[in-house]
Amino acid sequence: MKSSAKWFSTLFTLIALSLLTGCASSTVASTPPTIPANLTSPCQSLSFLQDKATMGDLLSHDVGVIEAYADCSARHKELGDLLRKRDAEASPSR
């Protein structure tokens, strides 16, 4: 009886120690990438056409709107890419 108690005690100790080894692993703390200020700035306000605009005014206005949209869209995409990269680095790999 004494030998089986010693065997169970040893087995219990080994199981407890093996469970504790999972707690000994550490993760490397990484600093999240800083978000550049230009990516968080609001998109520029669109201008309005004057009441008596010519076709040239309309064309010039449309080009300005397209350029403003392209700039805002590019910044939005870059911000999204940066946040997805940050989230991928923060999530544990499986």
C-alpha atoms as a PDB file:
ATOM      1  CA  MET A   1       0.000   0.000   0.000  1.00  0.00           C
ATOM      2  CA  LYS A   2       2.844   2.320   0.833  1.00  0.00           C
ATOM      3  CA  SER A   3       4.453   1.776  -2.567  1.00  0.00           C
ATOM      4  CA  SER A   4       1.236   2.533  -4.474  1.00  0.00           C
ATOM      5  CA  ALA A   5       0.786   5.773  -2.482  1.00  0.00           C
ATOM      6  CA  LYS A   6       4.336   6.766  -3.393  1.00  0.00           C
ATOM      7  CA  TRP A   7       3.662   5.900  -7.042  1.00  0.00           C
ATOM      8  CA  PHE A   8       0.463   8.020  -7.087  1.00  0.00           C
ATOM      9  CA  SER A   9       2.279  10.852  -5.358  1.00  0.00           C
ATOM     10  CA  THR A  10       5.040  10.770  -7.958  1.00  0.00           C
ATOM     11  CA  LEU A  11       2.518  10.583 -10.799  1.00  0.00           C
ATOM     12  CA  PHE A  12       0.532  13.495  -9.384  1.00  0.00           C
ATOM     13  CA  THR A  13       3.716  15.572  -9.024  1.00  0.00           C
ATOM     14  CA  LEU A  14       4.758  14.855 -12.615  1.00  0.00           C
ATOM     15  CA  ILE A  15       1.307  15.790 -13.936  1.00  0.00           C
ATOM     16  CA  ALA A  16       1.282  19.011 -11.912  1.00  0.00           C
ATOM     17  CA  LEU A  17       4.752  19.948 -13.158  1.00  0.00           C
ATOM     18  CA  SER A  18       3.853  19.232 -16.776  1.00  0.00           C
ATOM     19  CA  LEU A  19       0.785  21.472 -16.468  1.00  0.00           C
ATOM     20  CA  LEU A  20       2.913  24.289 -15.100  1.00  0.00           C
ATOM     21  CA  THR A  21       5.265  24.232 -18.085  1.00  0.00           C
ATOM     22  CA  GLY A  22       2.509  25.707 -20.269  1.00  0.00           C
ATOM     23  CA  CYS A  23       2.454  28.764 -18.021  1.00  0.00           C
ATOM     24  CA  ALA A  24       6.189  29.262 -18.385  1.00  0.00           C
ATOM     25  CA  SER A  25       5.978  30.275 -22.026  1.00  0.00           C
ATOM     26  CA  SER A  26       6.215  33.974 -22.654  1.00  0.00           C
ATOM     27  CA  THR A  27       5.183  36.188 -25.503  1.00  0.00           C
ATOM     28  CA  VAL A  28       7.304  38.874 -27.017  1.00  0.00           C
ATOM     29  CA  ALA A  29       5.760  42.265 -26.522  1.00  0.00           C
ATOM     30  CA  SER A  30       5.704  44.234 -29.728  1.00  0.00           C
ATOM     31  CA  THR A  31       4.875  47.862 -30.058  1.00  0.00           C
ATOM     32  CA  PRO A  32       1.985  48.568 -32.387  1.00  0.00           C
ATOM     33  CA  PRO A  33       2.854  50.602 -35.438  1.00  0.00           C
ATOM     34  CA  THR A  34       2.155  54.270 -35.075  1.00  0.00           C
ATOM     35  CA  ILE A  35      -0.517  55.621 -37.358  1.00  0.00           C
ATOM     36  CA  PRO A  36       0.715  58.595 -39.388  1.00  0.00           C
ATOM     37  CA  ALA A  37      -1.316  61.765 -38.871  1.00  0.00           C
ATOM     38  CA  ASN A  38      -2.119  62.094 -42.560  1.00  0.00           C
ATOM     39  CA  LEU A  39      -4.045  58.807 -42.442  1.00  0.00           C
ATOM     40  CA  THR A  40      -6.343  59.990 -39.676  1.00  0.00           C
ATOM     41  CA  SER A  41      -6.990  63.474 -40.996  1.00  0.00           C
ATOM     42  CA  PRO A  42     -10.479  64.072 -42.403  1.00  0.00           C
ATOM     43  CA  CYS A  43     -11.031  64.209 -46.140  1.00  0.00           C
ATOM     44  CA  GLN A  44     -11.141  67.684 -47.594  1.00  0.00           C
ATOM     45  CA  SER A  45     -14.520  69.318 -48.045  1.00  0.00           C
ATOM     46  CA  LEU A  46     -15.807  69.490 -51.590  1.00  0.00           C
ATOM     47  CA  SER A  47     -16.325  72.871 -53.172  1.00  0.00           C
ATOM     48  CA  PHE A  48     -19.592  73.907 -54.795  1.00  0.00           C
ATOM     49  CA  LEU A  49     -20.047  75.200 -58.292  1.00  0.00           C
ATOM     50  CA  GLN A  50     -21.210  78.739 -58.840  1.00  0.00           C
ATOM     51  CA  ASP A  51     -24.708  79.243 -60.214  1.00  0.00           C
ATOM     52  CA  LYS A  52     -23.504  80.362 -63.621  1.00  0.00           C
ATOM     53  CA  ALA A  53     -20.752  77.826 -64.190  1.00  0.00           C
ATOM     54  CA  THR A  54     -19.434  77.141 -67.651  1.00  0.00           C
ATOM     55  CA  MET A  55     -18.561  73.729 -69.048  1.00  0.00           C
ATOM     56  CA  GLY A  56     -14.915  74.546 -68.318  1.00  0.00           C
ATOM     57  CA  ASP A  57     -15.820  75.296 -64.688  1.00  0.00           C
ATOM     58  CA  LEU A  58     -17.770  72.030 -64.506  1.00  0.00           C
ATOM     59  CA  LEU A  59     -14.873  70.042 -65.958  1.00  0.00           C
ATOM     60  CA  SER A  60     -12.368  71.695 -63.626  1.00  0.00           C
ATOM     61  CA  HIS A  61     -14.653  71.063 -60.640  1.00  0.00           C
ATOM     62  CA  ASP A  62     -15.136  67.401 -61.575  1.00  0.00           C
ATOM     63  CA  VAL A  63     -11.389  66.870 -61.908  1.00  0.00           C
ATOM     64  CA  GLY A  64     -10.896  68.414 -58.442  1.00  0.00           C
ATOM     65  CA  VAL A  65     -13.578  66.143 -56.949  1.00  0.00           C
ATOM     66  CA  ILE A  66     -12.001  63.076 -58.554  1.00  0.00           C
ATOM     67  CA  GLU A  67      -8.551  64.025 -57.247  1.00  0.00           C
ATOM     68  CA  ALA A  68      -9.929  64.640 -53.740  1.00  0.00           C
ATOM     69  CA  TYR A  69     -11.726  61.285 -53.786  1.00  0.00           C
ATOM     70  CA  ALA A  70      -8.633  59.457 -55.035  1.00  0.00           C
ATOM     71  CA  ASP A  71      -6.516  61.010 -52.259  1.00  0.00           C
ATOM     72  CA  CYS A  72      -9.062  60.203 -49.563  1.00  0.00           C
ATOM     73  CA  SER A  73      -9.596  56.680 -50.900  1.00  0.00           C
ATOM     74  CA  ALA A  74      -5.836  55.999 -50.978  1.00  0.00           C
ATOM     75  CA  ARG A  75      -5.430  57.201 -47.372  1.00  0.00           C
ATOM     76  CA  HIS A  76      -8.402  55.111 -46.270  1.00  0.00           C
ATOM     77  CA  LYS A  77      -6.921  52.004 -47.948  1.00  0.00           C
ATOM     78  CA  GLU A  78      -3.503  52.618 -46.406  1.00  0.00           C
ATOM     79  CA  LEU A  79      -5.051  53.016 -42.950  1.00  0.00           C
ATOM     80  CA  GLY A  80      -7.034  49.797 -43.403  1.00  0.00           C
ATOM     81  CA  ASP A  81      -3.910  47.923 -44.542  1.00  0.00           C
ATOM     82  CA  LEU A  82      -1.968  49.225 -41.549  1.00  0.00           C
ATOM     83  CA  LEU A  83      -4.687  48.168 -39.097  1.00  0.00           C
ATOM     84  CA  ARG A  84      -5.036  44.703 -40.692  1.00  0.00           C
ATOM     85  CA  LYS A  85      -1.260  44.247 -40.469  1.00  0.00           C
ATOM     86  CA  ARG A  86      -1.317  45.312 -36.806  1.00  0.00           C
ATOM     87  CA  ASP A  87      -4.167  42.908 -36.040  1.00  0.00           C
ATOM     88  CA  ALA A  88      -2.402  40.049 -37.838  1.00  0.00           C
ATOM     89  CA  GLU A  89       0.778  40.639 -35.844  1.00  0.00           C
ATOM     90  CA  ALA A  90      -1.165  40.849 -32.572  1.00  0.00           C
ATOM     91  CA  SER A  91      -3.169  37.659 -33.072  1.00  0.00           C
ATOM     92  CA  PRO A  92      -1.459  34.431 -32.069  1.00  0.00           C
ATOM     93  CA  SER A  93      -0.402  32.220 -34.947  1.00  0.00           C
ATOM     94  CA  ARG A  94      -2.038  28.824 -35.077  1.00  0.00           C
END
